[in-house]
């Protein structure tokens, strides 16, 4: 029984161990699958991001609209047909710095070489026309001996040090302005001749036999053909540019005419609005003048009554203090006047009629302001009466209504 119990325990332990191993194996497989899926997802994201970054570069037409940088000059010279076929660069180990460039013969490049400075250059030699056209590129390292041919010992040592220092940039410059098929180390202007360079190209390119097309005459014909081609293209570009400017000018003029018509229509509409507004303001002003006239009439009546009362009191007082009647006083006053004096007696009604009316001092803006205030009061009171409104009280200034 003890052996049976031990065997059963061992069997149970083995079963649990196997189950644990299966579970660990399954967990490891799931973890590996998750990691693999994450790596694939990350790779897809990187590929999509790289695809978005890659933009198709526009083909350069070698026009003067863009800046001629060192890299662009090198790319232009290495093209089969381009407006540049030579360039001279400053020695450097980090950047391509152009000093001179152009399209022409070897004399133009030789004129750009300085007698007291190390320089690097590249030139494209093209021979033949049509399907017989061939181009070869020559790398030149200009290290003139005239740099050290000076009387001053100090200056000579300085130039020798500069010369060796700049020649050390040769490896970088070969990669920066290359590729090329022929290399020339020139120490004198006599080594920069078309015949010598054509002979070097022949030795490098022609393996067997003789190439009759590789000569100075063939080079000059190809050079003239390139110049004529780019002059014609430049002329066509200028014509297209002129046509484009003329079309833009015409469109701009037509748009200006449309804007003028629109502006005229808007001005007419605004003019009508101003007339209607002015007419309404005049009507409001007339209404206010009528109201002021009524107030003036009431004031006049009050003043008349006051004057009558005062006159009555004065008459009573004069009757008490003097025995002279009003008629006698008037006759005496008339006798004292000159003979040609007219009758100055004016009735009260005529005096009130002759009195000028008081003008309304309230302007249209003030009237408009009063109307706006009245409208605001009405809307505020309406909101207070609504049960769902947030407005709970209004303070109103009492004012007499204006007559319109």
Protein backbone atom coordinates (compact mmCIF):
# COMPACT_ATOMS: atom_id res chain seq x y z
CA UNK A 1 0.00 0.00 0.00
CA UNK A 2 2.86 2.38 0.77
CA UNK A 3 4.49 1.62 -2.58
CA UNK A 4 1.18 2.14 -4.37
CA UNK A 5 0.67 5.47 -2.61
CA UNK A 6 4.20 6.60 -3.51
CA UNK A 7 3.71 5.58 -7.12
CA UNK A 8 0.40 7.45 -7.28
CA UNK A 9 2.04 10.53 -5.79
CA UNK A 10 4.89 10.37 -8.29
CA UNK A 11 2.40 10.01 -11.15
CA UNK A 12 0.46 13.04 -9.94
CA UNK A 13 3.64 15.08 -9.62
CA UNK A 14 4.72 14.10 -13.14
CA UNK A 15 1.29 15.06 -14.50
CA UNK A 16 1.43 18.48 -12.83
CA UNK A 17 4.95 19.02 -14.14
CA UNK A 18 3.88 18.21 -17.70
CA UNK A 19 0.87 20.53 -17.42
CA UNK A 20 3.13 23.32 -16.13
CA UNK A 21 5.57 22.78 -19.01
CA UNK A 22 2.73 22.90 -21.55
CA UNK A 23 1.38 26.08 -19.98
CA UNK A 24 4.84 27.71 -20.00
CA UNK A 25 5.41 26.66 -23.59
CA UNK A 26 2.05 28.03 -24.65
CA UNK A 27 2.71 31.33 -22.81
CA UNK A 28 6.12 31.61 -24.49
CA UNK A 29 4.58 31.00 -27.91
CA UNK A 30 1.90 33.62 -27.28
CA UNK A 31 4.52 36.12 -26.10
CA UNK A 32 6.63 35.40 -29.19
CA UNK A 33 3.61 35.90 -31.44
CA UNK A 34 2.78 39.20 -29.75
CA UNK A 35 6.35 40.40 -30.10
CA UNK A 36 6.43 39.37 -33.75
CA UNK A 37 3.14 41.17 -34.43
CA UNK A 38 4.44 44.30 -32.69
CA UNK A 39 7.63 44.20 -34.78
CA UNK A 40 5.62 43.80 -37.97
CA UNK A 41 3.36 46.70 -37.00
CA UNK A 42 6.39 48.87 -36.21
CA UNK A 43 7.96 47.96 -39.56
CA UNK A 44 4.74 48.88 -41.37
CA UNK A 45 4.62 52.24 -39.60
CA UNK A 46 8.25 52.97 -40.48
CA UNK A 47 7.66 52.00 -44.10
CA UNK A 48 4.56 54.23 -44.31
CA UNK A 49 6.43 57.13 -42.70
CA UNK A 50 9.36 56.69 -45.07
CA UNK A 51 6.98 56.55 -48.00
CA UNK A 52 5.40 59.83 -46.93
CA UNK A 53 8.79 61.47 -46.60
CA UNK A 54 9.95 60.39 -50.05
CA UNK A 55 8.94 63.10 -52.48
CA UNK A 56 9.49 63.01 -56.17
CA UNK A 57 12.13 65.53 -56.99
CA UNK A 58 11.26 67.91 -59.75
CA UNK A 59 13.54 67.63 -62.74
CA UNK A 60 15.91 70.57 -62.86
CA UNK A 61 15.70 72.63 -66.03
CA UNK A 62 19.02 74.36 -65.20
CA UNK A 63 17.46 77.80 -65.27
CA UNK A 64 18.81 80.86 -63.44
CA UNK A 65 15.67 81.14 -61.31
CA UNK A 66 17.23 78.95 -58.62
CA UNK A 67 20.46 79.62 -56.77
CA UNK A 68 23.57 77.99 -58.21
CA UNK A 69 24.90 76.07 -55.22
CA UNK A 70 27.98 73.84 -55.33
CA UNK A 71 25.98 70.61 -55.52
CA UNK A 72 23.70 71.96 -58.22
CA UNK A 73 26.70 73.09 -60.30
CA UNK A 74 28.28 69.63 -60.02
CA UNK A 75 25.01 67.95 -61.01
CA UNK A 76 24.63 70.31 -63.96
CA UNK A 77 28.14 69.62 -65.25
CA UNK A 78 27.62 65.85 -64.99
CA UNK A 79 24.46 66.04 -67.12
CA UNK A 80 24.84 65.02 -70.75
CA UNK A 81 23.48 68.37 -71.98
CA UNK A 82 23.47 71.40 -69.71
CA UNK A 83 24.32 75.14 -69.75
CA UNK A 84 27.49 74.53 -67.66
CA UNK A 85 30.51 72.45 -68.64
CA UNK A 86 33.24 73.63 -66.24
CA UNK A 87 33.65 74.87 -62.67
CA UNK A 88 36.45 75.73 -60.23
CA UNK A 89 36.05 75.11 -56.48
CA UNK A 90 37.77 76.22 -53.32
CA UNK A 91 39.67 73.52 -51.36
CA UNK A 92 37.55 72.16 -48.50
CA UNK A 93 36.97 68.96 -46.55
CA UNK A 94 33.31 69.55 -45.68
CA UNK A 95 31.52 71.51 -48.41
CA UNK A 96 31.58 72.28 -52.14
CA UNK A 97 32.32 75.99 -52.49
CA UNK A 98 32.26 77.28 -56.10
CA UNK A 99 34.66 80.03 -57.14
CA UNK A 100 33.87 80.24 -60.87
CA UNK A 101 31.76 78.32 -63.39
CA UNK A 102 30.47 78.67 -66.92
CA UNK A 103 30.04 77.19 -70.38
CA UNK A 104 32.87 77.47 -72.87
CA UNK A 105 36.30 76.25 -73.84
CA UNK A 106 39.34 75.44 -71.78
CA UNK A 107 40.52 79.06 -71.98
CA UNK A 108 37.65 80.12 -69.72
CA UNK A 109 38.66 77.57 -67.08
CA UNK A 110 42.34 78.57 -67.34
CA UNK A 111 41.44 82.23 -66.78
CA UNK A 112 39.68 81.25 -63.51
CA UNK A 113 42.81 79.55 -62.09
CA UNK A 114 44.76 81.76 -59.67
CA UNK A 115 48.59 81.74 -59.63
CA UNK A 116 48.84 81.90 -55.81
CA UNK A 117 46.18 79.43 -54.67
CA UNK A 118 45.39 75.70 -54.81
CA UNK A 119 42.09 74.99 -56.61
CA UNK A 120 40.06 72.01 -57.79
CA UNK A 121 38.03 71.86 -60.97
CA UNK A 122 35.85 69.65 -63.15
CA UNK A 123 35.21 69.95 -66.90
CA UNK A 124 33.05 68.10 -69.41
CA UNK A 125 34.63 67.55 -72.83
CA UNK A 126 31.99 66.68 -75.45
CA UNK A 127 32.83 65.47 -78.96
CA UNK A 128 30.60 64.91 -81.98
CA UNK A 129 26.91 65.45 -82.62
CA UNK A 130 23.78 63.34 -82.67
CA UNK A 131 24.28 59.64 -82.05
CA UNK A 132 28.06 60.08 -82.33
CA UNK A 133 28.07 62.49 -79.39
CA UNK A 134 30.33 61.44 -76.49
CA UNK A 135 31.13 63.20 -73.19
CA UNK A 136 34.14 62.76 -70.89
CA UNK A 137 34.79 64.38 -67.52
CA UNK A 138 38.21 65.58 -66.36
CA UNK A 139 39.19 66.31 -62.75
CA UNK A 140 41.94 68.91 -62.34
CA UNK A 141 43.99 69.69 -59.22
CA UNK A 142 45.61 73.09 -59.69
CA UNK A 143 48.72 73.42 -57.48
CA UNK A 144 50.89 76.12 -59.11
CA UNK A 145 54.62 76.31 -58.51
CA UNK A 146 54.33 80.10 -58.67
CA UNK A 147 52.94 80.03 -55.12
CA UNK A 148 56.44 79.52 -53.69
CA UNK A 149 58.34 81.68 -56.19
CA UNK A 150 58.53 84.76 -53.96
CA UNK A 151 61.44 86.68 -52.41
CA UNK A 152 60.14 86.73 -48.86
CA UNK A 153 61.23 83.63 -46.94
CA UNK A 154 58.38 84.03 -44.46
CA UNK A 155 55.76 84.29 -47.20
CA UNK A 156 57.30 81.32 -49.01
CA UNK A 157 57.04 79.14 -45.93
CA UNK A 158 53.44 80.22 -45.35
CA UNK A 159 52.43 79.44 -48.94
CA UNK A 160 54.18 76.09 -48.87
CA UNK A 161 52.26 75.17 -45.71
CA UNK A 162 48.97 76.32 -47.30
CA UNK A 163 49.76 74.37 -50.46
CA UNK A 164 50.35 71.11 -48.60
CA UNK A 165 47.33 71.71 -46.39
CA UNK A 166 44.99 72.29 -49.37
CA UNK A 167 46.37 69.31 -51.32
CA UNK A 168 45.30 67.21 -48.36
CA UNK A 169 41.67 67.95 -49.32
CA UNK A 170 42.12 66.13 -52.65
CA UNK A 171 40.39 62.93 -51.52
CA UNK A 172 37.24 64.72 -50.37
CA UNK A 173 37.11 66.93 -53.49
CA UNK A 174 37.44 63.89 -55.79
CA UNK A 175 34.34 62.35 -54.20
CA UNK A 176 32.47 65.65 -53.97
CA UNK A 177 32.82 66.78 -57.59
CA UNK A 178 33.23 63.36 -59.22
CA UNK A 179 32.84 61.00 -60.91
CA UNK A 180 35.41 61.55 -63.63
CA UNK A 181 37.45 59.52 -66.11
CA UNK A 182 40.68 61.52 -66.34
CA UNK A 183 42.70 63.21 -63.61
CA UNK A 184 45.09 66.10 -64.24
CA UNK A 185 47.58 67.49 -61.72
CA UNK A 186 48.53 70.89 -63.15
CA UNK A 187 51.42 72.91 -61.76
CA UNK A 188 51.71 75.41 -64.61
CA UNK A 189 49.43 77.07 -67.16
CA UNK A 190 51.23 75.14 -69.92
CA UNK A 191 49.67 71.95 -68.58
CA UNK A 192 46.16 73.38 -69.04
CA UNK A 193 45.74 73.15 -72.81
CA UNK A 194 43.03 71.58 -74.90
CA UNK A 195 45.43 69.47 -76.97
CA UNK A 196 47.06 68.01 -73.85
CA UNK A 197 43.73 67.17 -72.24
CA UNK A 198 42.33 65.59 -75.44
CA UNK A 199 45.49 63.47 -75.66
CA UNK A 200 44.99 62.34 -72.04
CA UNK A 201 41.35 61.41 -72.80
CA UNK A 202 42.46 59.41 -75.85
CA UNK A 203 45.01 57.47 -73.83
CA UNK A 204 42.38 56.65 -71.24
CA UNK A 205 39.36 55.92 -73.46
CA UNK A 206 40.68 54.62 -76.80
CA UNK A 207 41.97 51.10 -76.24
CA UNK A 208 42.64 49.98 -79.77
CA UNK A 209 42.87 51.97 -82.99
CA UNK A 210 42.40 55.70 -83.49
CA UNK A 211 39.35 57.88 -82.78
CA UNK A 212 39.08 60.49 -85.53
CA UNK A 213 36.12 62.23 -83.86
CA UNK A 214 38.07 63.12 -80.70
CA UNK A 215 39.79 66.38 -81.69
CA UNK A 216 39.56 70.12 -81.11
CA UNK A 217 37.31 70.74 -84.10
CA UNK A 218 34.78 68.15 -82.96
CA UNK A 219 34.83 69.64 -79.44
CA UNK A 220 34.17 73.13 -80.79
CA UNK A 221 31.25 71.94 -82.95
CA UNK A 222 29.63 70.20 -79.96
CA UNK A 223 30.21 73.33 -77.86
CA UNK A 224 28.55 75.58 -80.47
CA UNK A 225 25.61 73.19 -80.79
CA UNK A 226 25.08 73.26 -77.00
CA UNK A 227 25.20 77.06 -76.94
CA UNK A 228 22.69 77.33 -79.80
CA UNK A 229 20.38 74.81 -78.10
CA UNK A 230 20.31 76.64 -74.78
CA UNK A 231 19.98 80.06 -76.40
CA UNK A 232 16.92 78.83 -78.31
CA UNK A 233 15.45 77.33 -75.14
CA UNK A 234 16.09 80.55 -73.23
CA UNK A 235 14.35 82.55 -75.95
CA UNK A 236 11.31 80.23 -75.81
CA UNK A 237 11.19 80.51 -72.01
CA UNK A 238 11.25 84.30 -72.23
CA UNK A 239 8.42 84.26 -74.79
CA UNK A 240 6.35 81.96 -72.55
CA UNK A 241 7.06 84.20 -69.60
CA UNK A 242 5.92 87.27 -71.55
CA UNK A 243 2.73 85.49 -72.62
CA UNK A 244 2.07 84.44 -69.06
CA UNK A 245 2.58 87.99 -67.77
CA UNK A 246 0.29 89.37 -70.47
CA UNK A 247 -2.41 86.83 -69.57
CA UNK A 248 -2.09 87.65 -65.86
CA UNK A 249 -2.34 91.35 -66.66
CA UNK A 250 -5.47 90.77 -68.74
CA UNK A 251 -7.08 88.68 -66.00
CA UNK A 252 -6.16 91.28 -63.41
CA UNK A 253 -7.72 94.06 -65.51
CA UNK A 254 -10.91 92.03 -66.03
CA UNK A 255 -11.13 91.33 -62.30
CA UNK A 256 -10.60 95.03 -61.57
CA UNK A 257 -13.44 95.91 -63.98
CA UNK A 258 -15.72 93.43 -62.21
CA UNK A 259 -14.74 94.91 -58.87
CA UNK A 260 -15.48 98.41 -60.17
CA UNK A 261 -18.96 97.32 -61.29
CA UNK A 262 -19.56 95.66 -57.93
CA UNK A 263 -18.31 98.76 -56.09
CA UNK A 264 -20.62 100.99 -58.14
CA UNK A 265 -23.60 98.78 -57.31
CA UNK A 266 -22.68 98.82 -53.64
CA UNK A 267 -22.28 102.59 -53.71
CA UNK A 268 -25.71 102.99 -55.28
CA UNK A 269 -27.27 100.73 -52.65
CA UNK A 270 -25.54 102.60 -49.83
CA UNK A 271 -26.64 105.92 -51.31
CA UNK A 272 -30.29 104.76 -51.33
CA UNK A 273 -29.97 103.53 -47.75
CA UNK A 274 -28.56 106.88 -46.64
CA UNK A 275 -31.39 108.73 -48.37
CA UNK A 276 -34.02 106.55 -46.68
CA UNK A 277 -32.29 106.97 -43.33
CA UNK A 278 -32.02 110.74 -43.76
CA UNK A 279 -35.68 110.94 -44.73
CA UNK A 280 -36.69 109.02 -41.58
CA UNK A 281 -34.49 111.23 -39.39
CA UNK A 282 -36.06 114.36 -40.92
CA UNK A 283 -39.54 113.03 -40.17
CA UNK A 284 -38.50 112.32 -36.56
CA UNK A 285 -37.04 115.81 -36.25
CA UNK A 286 -40.25 117.39 -37.60
CA UNK A 287 -42.30 115.45 -35.05
CA UNK A 288 -40.06 116.64 -32.24
CA UNK A 289 -40.34 120.26 -33.51
CA UNK A 290 -44.16 120.01 -33.45
CA UNK A 291 -44.00 118.74 -29.87
CA UNK A 292 -41.66 121.56 -28.90
CA UNK A 293 -44.01 124.10 -30.59
CA UNK A 294 -46.89 122.81 -28.47
CA UNK A 295 -44.74 123.22 -25.38
CA UNK A 296 -43.82 126.74 -26.52
CA UNK A 297 -47.52 127.62 -26.97
CA UNK A 298 -48.27 126.41 -23.48
CA UNK A 299 -45.37 128.42 -22.12
CA UNK A 300 -46.60 131.51 -24.01
CA UNK A 301 -50.10 131.16 -22.59
CA UNK A 302 -48.68 130.86 -19.07
CA UNK A 303 -46.48 133.90 -19.64
CA UNK A 304 -49.45 135.86 -21.03
CA UNK A 305 -51.58 135.07 -18.01
CA UNK A 306 -48.75 136.09 -15.71
CA UNK A 307 -48.22 139.33 -17.60
CA UNK A 308 -51.95 140.12 -17.46
CA UNK A 309 -52.05 139.56 -13.71
CA UNK A 310 -48.98 141.72 -13.22
CA UNK A 311 -50.43 144.44 -15.46
CA UNK A 312 -53.72 144.37 -13.55
CA UNK A 313 -51.90 144.80 -10.28
CA UNK A 314 -49.89 147.70 -11.68
CA UNK A 315 -53.06 149.34 -13.02
CA UNK A 316 -54.73 149.09 -9.62
CA UNK A 317 -51.70 150.59 -7.95
CA UNK A 318 -51.49 153.41 -10.47
CA UNK A 319 -55.19 154.18 -10.01
CA UNK A 320 -54.69 154.45 -6.29
CA UNK A 321 -51.56 156.62 -6.42
CA UNK A 322 -52.49 158.97 -9.27
CA UNK A 323 -55.58 160.74 -10.51
CA UNK A 324 -54.35 160.66 -14.12
CA UNK A 325 -56.29 158.17 -16.25
CA UNK A 326 -54.80 155.86 -18.80
CA UNK A 327 -56.39 157.72 -21.70
CA UNK A 328 -54.96 161.05 -20.60
CA UNK A 329 -51.49 159.51 -20.18
CA UNK A 330 -51.70 158.03 -23.67
CA UNK A 331 -52.76 161.36 -25.17
CA UNK A 332 -49.91 163.14 -23.47
CA UNK A 333 -47.46 160.47 -24.74
CA UNK A 334 -48.74 160.88 -28.31
CA UNK A 335 -48.40 164.67 -28.13
CA UNK A 336 -44.73 164.33 -27.13
CA UNK A 337 -43.93 162.16 -30.21
CA UNK A 338 -42.81 163.73 -33.53
CA UNK A 339 -45.42 164.41 -36.16
CA UNK A 340 -44.14 161.79 -38.69
CA UNK A 341 -44.08 158.97 -36.18
CA UNK A 342 -46.48 156.12 -36.96
CA UNK A 343 -48.80 154.48 -34.53
CA UNK A 344 -46.77 152.25 -32.24
CA UNK A 345 -49.71 150.58 -30.60
CA UNK A 346 -49.43 146.82 -31.16
CA UNK A 347 -51.91 144.31 -29.94
CA UNK A 348 -50.89 141.35 -27.84
CA UNK A 349 -51.81 138.84 -30.57
CA UNK A 350 -49.64 140.69 -33.13
CA UNK A 351 -46.70 140.72 -30.71
CA UNK A 352 -47.02 136.97 -30.10
CA UNK A 353 -47.21 136.31 -33.85
CA UNK A 354 -44.13 138.42 -34.60
CA UNK A 355 -42.07 136.58 -31.95
CA UNK A 356 -39.68 134.04 -33.64
CA UNK A 357 -40.19 130.36 -32.89
CA UNK A 358 -37.60 128.53 -30.84
CA UNK A 359 -35.68 125.93 -32.88
CA UNK A 360 -35.40 122.34 -31.77
CA UNK A 361 -32.01 121.75 -30.16
CA UNK A 362 -32.30 117.96 -30.13
CA UNK A 363 -30.35 116.33 -32.97
CA UNK A 364 -31.22 113.16 -34.96
CA UNK A 365 -28.60 111.13 -33.05
CA UNK A 366 -30.17 111.98 -29.72
CA UNK A 367 -33.61 111.09 -31.06
CA UNK A 368 -32.29 107.77 -32.33
CA UNK A 369 -30.66 107.13 -28.97
CA UNK A 370 -33.99 107.76 -27.20
CA UNK A 371 -35.78 105.33 -29.51
CA UNK A 372 -33.13 102.66 -28.85
CA UNK A 373 -33.48 103.20 -25.09
CA UNK A 374 -37.26 102.83 -25.33
CA UNK A 375 -36.87 99.61 -27.31
CA UNK A 376 -34.42 98.24 -24.74
CA UNK A 377 -36.86 99.07 -21.90
CA UNK A 378 -39.69 97.29 -23.70
CA UNK A 379 -37.59 94.17 -24.36
CA UNK A 380 -36.28 94.12 -20.76
CA UNK A 381 -39.78 94.30 -19.30
CA UNK A 382 -40.90 91.53 -21.68
CA UNK A 383 -38.05 89.31 -20.48
CA UNK A 384 -38.87 89.98 -16.81
CA UNK A 385 -42.43 88.78 -17.39
CA UNK A 386 -41.26 85.44 -18.80
CA UNK A 387 -41.08 82.65 -16.19
CA UNK A 388 -38.03 80.99 -17.79
CA UNK A 389 -35.97 84.20 -18.05
CA UNK A 390 -32.86 84.89 -15.94
CA UNK A 391 -33.76 88.60 -15.76
CA UNK A 392 -35.67 89.32 -12.50
CA UNK A 393 -35.68 93.12 -12.17
CA UNK A 394 -35.42 96.30 -14.28
CA UNK A 395 -34.85 99.91 -13.19
CA UNK A 396 -36.55 102.43 -15.55
CA UNK A 397 -36.07 106.21 -15.65
CA UNK A 398 -39.39 108.08 -16.14
CA UNK A 399 -39.47 110.31 -19.22
CA UNK A 400 -42.25 112.08 -21.14
CA UNK A 401 -43.02 110.49 -24.51
CA UNK A 402 -41.86 112.45 -27.55
CA UNK A 403 -44.48 113.51 -30.09
CA UNK A 404 -43.85 112.34 -33.67
